[in-house]
Amino acid sequence: MTTLSEATRTTSPTTTAPATATEAKDPHRPTTRPRPQADGMAVASFILGLLGTLVLNILLGPCALVLGGLSLARGTTRRGRALLGITLGAADLLLLALLTTADGTLSWHIGG
């Protein structure tokens, strides 16, 4: 008596044919289907970049840059949010440099 897994091993061919012509040309090419994690990374990049302009720009700016870049590399459908996150992350770091050179601090302060 053979089990189902043994039957499929003996009847299935050892090599599988590519599903499309593009897979036959370049089997190492990543799929064009977007990943849900990439969309979440794009939104997180935007939110962290936006929050970084107000608080903790030394921490949130680089996080926004990295998450935005990763989401673009993984093929997000929310490309605009990822680009905004990258832009806001860069603005966070620019703001950090401006604050540091202006008054020698790493944070906002109001008043004298």
C-alpha atoms as a PDB file:
ATOM      1  CA  MET A   1       0.000   0.000   0.000  1.00  0.00           C
ATOM      2  CA  THR A   2       1.461   3.330  -1.033  1.00  0.00           C
ATOM      3  CA  THR A   3       0.701   6.589   0.655  1.00  0.00           C
ATOM      4  CA  LEU A   4      -0.384   9.706  -1.148  1.00  0.00           C
ATOM      5  CA  SER A   5       3.009  11.398  -0.800  1.00  0.00           C
ATOM      6  CA  GLU A   6       4.808   8.360  -2.242  1.00  0.00           C
ATOM      7  CA  ALA A   7       2.376   8.248  -5.143  1.00  0.00           C
ATOM      8  CA  THR A   8       2.936  11.900  -5.991  1.00  0.00           C
ATOM      9  CA  ARG A   9       6.700  11.496  -5.766  1.00  0.00           C
ATOM     10  CA  THR A  10       6.698   8.614  -8.196  1.00  0.00           C
ATOM     11  CA  THR A  11       4.216  10.101 -10.662  1.00  0.00           C
ATOM     12  CA  SER A  12       5.314  13.749 -10.720  1.00  0.00           C
ATOM     13  CA  PRO A  13       8.173  14.809 -12.972  1.00  0.00           C
ATOM     14  CA  THR A  14      11.372  15.979 -11.307  1.00  0.00           C
ATOM     15  CA  THR A  15      11.500  19.277 -13.182  1.00  0.00           C
ATOM     16  CA  THR A  16       8.639  21.664 -13.567  1.00  0.00           C
ATOM     17  CA  ALA A  17       8.079  23.757 -16.646  1.00  0.00           C
ATOM     18  CA  PRO A  18       7.947  27.536 -16.173  1.00  0.00           C
ATOM     19  CA  ALA A  19       4.441  28.946 -16.055  1.00  0.00           C
ATOM     20  CA  THR A  20       5.120  31.921 -18.313  1.00  0.00           C
ATOM     21  CA  ALA A  21       7.596  32.934 -20.943  1.00  0.00           C
ATOM     22  CA  THR A  22       9.134  35.626 -18.708  1.00  0.00           C
ATOM     23  CA  GLU A  23       9.955  33.057 -16.034  1.00  0.00           C
ATOM     24  CA  ALA A  24      11.704  30.979 -18.688  1.00  0.00           C
ATOM     25  CA  LYS A  25      13.895  33.944 -19.635  1.00  0.00           C
ATOM     26  CA  ASP A  26      14.936  34.973 -16.131  1.00  0.00           C
ATOM     27  CA  PRO A  27      14.103  32.543 -13.319  1.00  0.00           C
ATOM     28  CA  HIS A  28      15.815  34.744 -10.696  1.00  0.00           C
ATOM     29  CA  ARG A  29      13.653  37.768 -11.426  1.00  0.00           C
ATOM     30  CA  PRO A  30      11.411  38.655  -8.460  1.00  0.00           C
ATOM     31  CA  THR A  31       7.705  38.305  -8.905  1.00  0.00           C
ATOM     32  CA  THR A  32       5.744  41.390  -9.838  1.00  0.00           C
ATOM     33  CA  ARG A  33       3.023  40.621  -7.310  1.00  0.00           C
ATOM     34  CA  PRO A  34       3.215  43.176  -4.478  1.00  0.00           C
ATOM     35  CA  ARG A  35       3.687  41.926  -0.967  1.00  0.00           C
ATOM     36  CA  PRO A  36       1.352  43.098   1.800  1.00  0.00           C
ATOM     37  CA  GLN A  37       4.327  43.804   4.068  1.00  0.00           C
ATOM     38  CA  ALA A  38       5.634  46.302   1.538  1.00  0.00           C
ATOM     39  CA  ASP A  39       2.416  48.329   1.747  1.00  0.00           C
ATOM     40  CA  GLY A  40       2.647  48.389   5.525  1.00  0.00           C
ATOM     41  CA  MET A  41       6.257  49.501   5.319  1.00  0.00           C
ATOM     42  CA  ALA A  42       5.307  52.369   3.014  1.00  0.00           C
ATOM     43  CA  VAL A  43       2.639  53.597   5.433  1.00  0.00           C
ATOM     44  CA  ALA A  44       4.983  53.170   8.421  1.00  0.00           C
ATOM     45  CA  SER A  45       7.669  55.121   6.578  1.00  0.00           C
ATOM     46  CA  PHE A  46       5.263  57.990   5.975  1.00  0.00           C
ATOM     47  CA  ILE A  47       4.041  58.046   9.590  1.00  0.00           C
ATOM     48  CA  LEU A  48       7.544  57.827  11.067  1.00  0.00           C
ATOM     49  CA  GLY A  49       8.772  60.592   8.761  1.00  0.00           C
ATOM     50  CA  LEU A  50       5.845  62.785   9.737  1.00  0.00           C
ATOM     51  CA  LEU A  51       6.323  62.173  13.462  1.00  0.00           C
ATOM     52  CA  GLY A  52      10.061  62.654  13.100  1.00  0.00           C
ATOM     53  CA  THR A  53       9.593  66.273  12.117  1.00  0.00           C
ATOM     54  CA  LEU A  54       8.114  66.903  15.559  1.00  0.00           C
ATOM     55  CA  VAL A  55       9.849  64.513  17.979  1.00  0.00           C
ATOM     56  CA  LEU A  56      12.857  62.188  17.976  1.00  0.00           C
ATOM     57  CA  ASN A  57      14.082  63.157  14.532  1.00  0.00           C
ATOM     58  CA  ILE A  58      17.451  61.540  15.269  1.00  0.00           C
ATOM     59  CA  LEU A  59      15.725  58.146  15.534  1.00  0.00           C
ATOM     60  CA  LEU A  60      12.627  58.368  13.350  1.00  0.00           C
ATOM     61  CA  GLY A  61      14.275  60.011  10.322  1.00  0.00           C
ATOM     62  CA  PRO A  62      16.614  57.118   9.503  1.00  0.00           C
ATOM     63  CA  CYS A  63      13.840  54.600  10.209  1.00  0.00           C
ATOM     64  CA  ALA A  64      11.596  56.378   7.703  1.00  0.00           C
ATOM     65  CA  LEU A  65      14.382  56.337   5.106  1.00  0.00           C
ATOM     66  CA  VAL A  66      15.052  52.618   5.547  1.00  0.00           C
ATOM     67  CA  LEU A  67      11.399  51.561   5.565  1.00  0.00           C
ATOM     68  CA  GLY A  68      10.617  53.686   2.511  1.00  0.00           C
ATOM     69  CA  GLY A  69      13.546  52.237   0.594  1.00  0.00           C
ATOM     70  CA  LEU A  70      12.645  48.666   1.542  1.00  0.00           C
ATOM     71  CA  SER A  71       9.031  49.113   0.547  1.00  0.00           C
ATOM     72  CA  LEU A  72      10.041  50.479  -2.856  1.00  0.00           C
ATOM     73  CA  ALA A  73      12.486  47.626  -3.335  1.00  0.00           C
ATOM     74  CA  ARG A  74       9.783  45.080  -2.505  1.00  0.00           C
ATOM     75  CA  GLY A  75       7.347  46.575  -4.997  1.00  0.00           C
ATOM     76  CA  THR A  76       4.713  48.350  -2.945  1.00  0.00           C
ATOM     77  CA  THR A  77       1.477  49.547  -4.496  1.00  0.00           C
ATOM     78  CA  ARG A  78       1.673  52.651  -2.272  1.00  0.00           C
ATOM     79  CA  ARG A  79       4.641  54.153  -4.037  1.00  0.00           C
ATOM     80  CA  GLY A  80       3.617  57.736  -3.228  1.00  0.00           C
ATOM     81  CA  ARG A  81       3.545  57.081   0.503  1.00  0.00           C
ATOM     82  CA  ALA A  82       6.946  55.413   0.356  1.00  0.00           C
ATOM     83  CA  LEU A  83       8.407  58.385  -1.516  1.00  0.00           C
ATOM     84  CA  LEU A  84       6.821  60.798   0.967  1.00  0.00           C
ATOM     85  CA  GLY A  85       8.304  58.761   3.809  1.00  0.00           C
ATOM     86  CA  ILE A  86      11.750  58.960   2.245  1.00  0.00           C
ATOM     87  CA  THR A  87      11.356  62.699   1.682  1.00  0.00           C
ATOM     88  CA  LEU A  88      10.160  63.305   5.238  1.00  0.00           C
ATOM     89  CA  GLY A  89      12.955  61.123   6.628  1.00  0.00           C
ATOM     90  CA  ALA A  90      15.512  63.200   4.752  1.00  0.00           C
ATOM     91  CA  ALA A  91      13.805  66.375   5.990  1.00  0.00           C
ATOM     92  CA  ASP A  92      14.064  65.010   9.547  1.00  0.00           C
ATOM     93  CA  LEU A  93      17.808  64.599   9.203  1.00  0.00           C
ATOM     94  CA  LEU A  94      18.138  68.022   7.594  1.00  0.00           C
ATOM     95  CA  LEU A  95      16.137  69.508  10.450  1.00  0.00           C
ATOM     96  CA  LEU A  96      18.383  67.718  12.935  1.00  0.00           C
ATOM     97  CA  ALA A  97      21.479  69.196  11.306  1.00  0.00           C
ATOM     98  CA  LEU A  98      19.873  72.645  11.274  1.00  0.00           C
ATOM     99  CA  LEU A  99      18.911  72.473  14.959  1.00  0.00           C
ATOM    100  CA  THR A 100      22.330  71.188  15.943  1.00  0.00           C
ATOM    101  CA  THR A 101      24.195  73.967  14.159  1.00  0.00           C
ATOM    102  CA  ALA A 102      21.782  76.717  15.199  1.00  0.00           C
ATOM    103  CA  ASP A 103      21.701  76.198  18.952  1.00  0.00           C
ATOM    104  CA  GLY A 104      23.667  73.056  19.766  1.00  0.00           C
ATOM    105  CA  THR A 105      20.681  70.934  20.740  1.00  0.00           C
ATOM    106  CA  LEU A 106      19.055  67.854  19.264  1.00  0.00           C
ATOM    107  CA  SER A 107      15.472  68.823  20.016  1.00  0.00           C
ATOM    108  CA  TRP A 108      12.914  71.577  19.588  1.00  0.00           C
ATOM    109  CA  HIS A 109      12.543  74.233  22.204  1.00  0.00           C
ATOM    110  CA  ILE A 110      10.341  77.271  22.257  1.00  0.00           C
ATOM    111  CA  GLY A 111      11.451  80.471  23.909  1.00  0.00           C
ATOM    112  CA  GLY A 112      14.785  81.789  25.056  1.00  0.00           C
END
